[in-house]
Amino acid sequence: MPPKVDPHKCDGCKGEKEAICMAICPGDLMYLNEDTLKAYCRSPRDCWDCMSCVKACPQGAIETRLPYQLGYYPAKLIPLMGSKRVSWTCIGQDDKVERFSYKNRND
């Protein structure tokens, strides 16, 4: 499922030369709307769910929905990047919340 951007949280990475989601997307799919300066995925069908943009967004404005094969709407998988760990919050379709934390592979 392509990333979904919360327009209330997205600030277009003000002060940055380029929005972080744009710089990190390996598929070159993330762009800023020229009028609103909010991020969006220009070709959702080409997104392969790597979640690079979700993990890198400093505002936490980007999320991805789990494909229906893994967890029906409104299931979510939300990462929180730390300097030495990444924590994942999984919210199931039944609103059950589970959290997992792993070392970054860069340690």
Protein backbone atom coordinates (compact mmCIF):
# COMPACT_ATOMS: atom_id res chain seq x y z
CA MET A 1 0.00 0.00 0.00
CA PRO A 2 1.39 3.42 -0.86
CA PRO A 3 2.31 5.89 1.86
CA LYS A 4 -0.38 8.20 3.17
CA VAL A 5 0.67 11.73 4.15
CA ASP A 6 -1.13 13.59 6.92
CA PRO A 7 -1.34 17.16 5.56
CA HIS A 8 -1.73 18.55 9.07
CA LYS A 9 1.62 17.11 10.17
CA CYS A 10 3.62 17.49 6.94
CA ASP A 11 5.59 20.74 6.77
CA GLY A 12 7.50 19.90 3.58
CA CYS A 13 10.70 19.67 5.66
CA LYS A 14 10.94 23.43 5.93
CA GLY A 15 14.52 24.58 6.09
CA GLU A 16 15.81 21.55 4.19
CA LYS A 17 17.15 21.79 0.65
CA GLU A 18 14.92 18.85 -0.30
CA ALA A 19 12.15 17.08 1.59
CA ILE A 20 13.62 14.07 3.38
CA CYS A 21 10.99 11.69 1.98
CA MET A 22 11.92 12.80 -1.54
CA ALA A 23 15.63 12.28 -0.93
CA ILE A 24 15.25 8.83 0.64
CA CYS A 25 12.65 7.23 -1.65
CA PRO A 26 14.49 4.61 -3.76
CA GLY A 27 11.73 4.72 -6.38
CA ASP A 28 11.80 8.53 -6.71
CA LEU A 29 8.06 8.55 -5.97
CA MET A 30 7.72 11.20 -3.26
CA TYR A 31 7.15 14.81 -4.29
CA LEU A 32 5.98 18.08 -2.79
CA ASN A 33 2.81 19.68 -4.06
CA GLU A 34 3.91 23.02 -5.52
CA ASP A 35 0.91 24.88 -4.08
CA THR A 36 0.65 23.41 -0.58
CA LEU A 37 4.28 22.24 -0.12
CA LYS A 38 2.95 18.96 1.29
CA ALA A 39 4.42 15.59 0.35
CA TYR A 40 2.58 13.02 -1.75
CA CYS A 41 3.33 9.80 -3.61
CA ARG A 42 3.18 10.60 -7.32
CA SER A 43 2.61 7.00 -8.44
CA PRO A 44 1.05 4.88 -5.69
CA ARG A 45 0.95 1.74 -7.81
CA ASP A 46 4.74 1.85 -8.22
CA CYS A 47 5.42 1.99 -4.46
CA TRP A 48 6.86 -1.28 -3.15
CA ASP A 49 6.27 -0.54 0.54
CA CYS A 50 9.90 -0.19 1.60
CA MET A 51 8.74 2.35 4.23
CA SER A 52 11.90 4.45 3.87
CA CYS A 53 9.82 7.64 3.75
CA VAL A 54 7.75 6.56 6.75
CA LYS A 55 10.84 5.87 8.87
CA ALA A 56 12.65 9.04 7.79
CA CYS A 57 9.86 11.61 8.19
CA PRO A 58 10.86 13.89 11.10
CA GLN A 59 7.24 15.00 11.61
CA GLY A 60 5.77 11.49 11.65
CA ALA A 61 3.45 12.67 8.88
CA ILE A 62 3.74 9.60 6.66
CA GLU A 63 2.19 6.25 7.38
CA THR A 64 1.48 3.13 5.43
CA ARG A 65 -1.50 0.84 5.65
CA LEU A 66 -0.91 -2.87 5.73
CA PRO A 67 -2.09 -4.62 2.57
CA TYR A 68 -5.44 -6.27 3.05
CA GLN A 69 -3.77 -9.66 2.72
CA LEU A 70 -1.88 -8.99 5.98
CA GLY A 71 -4.36 -6.99 7.98
CA TYR A 72 -7.63 -5.50 6.88
CA TYR A 73 -8.27 -1.76 7.07
CA PRO A 74 -7.63 0.06 9.41
CA ALA A 75 -4.53 -1.94 10.46
CA LYS A 76 -1.33 0.16 10.67
CA LEU A 77 2.38 -0.41 11.10
CA ILE A 78 4.14 2.66 12.51
CA PRO A 79 7.94 2.94 12.91
CA LEU A 80 9.76 5.23 15.31
CA MET A 81 13.44 5.66 14.48
CA GLY A 82 15.90 6.14 17.31
CA SER A 83 19.64 6.57 17.07
CA LYS A 84 20.32 2.92 17.97
CA ARG A 85 16.92 1.22 17.66
CA VAL A 86 13.78 1.21 15.55
CA SER A 87 10.52 0.64 17.39
CA TRP A 88 7.44 -0.62 15.58
CA THR A 89 3.86 -0.14 16.70
CA CYS A 90 1.43 -2.54 15.07
CA ILE A 91 -2.25 -1.65 15.37
CA GLY A 92 -4.44 -4.53 14.24
CA GLN A 93 -7.84 -4.28 12.62
CA ASP A 94 -9.30 -4.97 16.06
CA ASP A 95 -7.36 -1.97 17.50
CA LYS A 96 -5.04 -4.32 19.42
CA VAL A 97 -1.67 -2.59 19.85
CA GLU A 98 1.65 -4.45 19.87
CA ARG A 99 5.11 -2.89 20.06
CA PHE A 100 8.45 -4.30 18.96
CA SER A 101 11.93 -2.81 19.20
CA TYR A 102 15.06 -3.86 17.30
CA LYS A 103 18.65 -2.69 17.02
CA ASN A 104 19.42 -0.71 13.88
CA ARG A 105 21.54 -2.69 11.50
CA ASN A 106 24.04 0.18 11.48
CA ASP A 107 25.16 -0.49 15.06
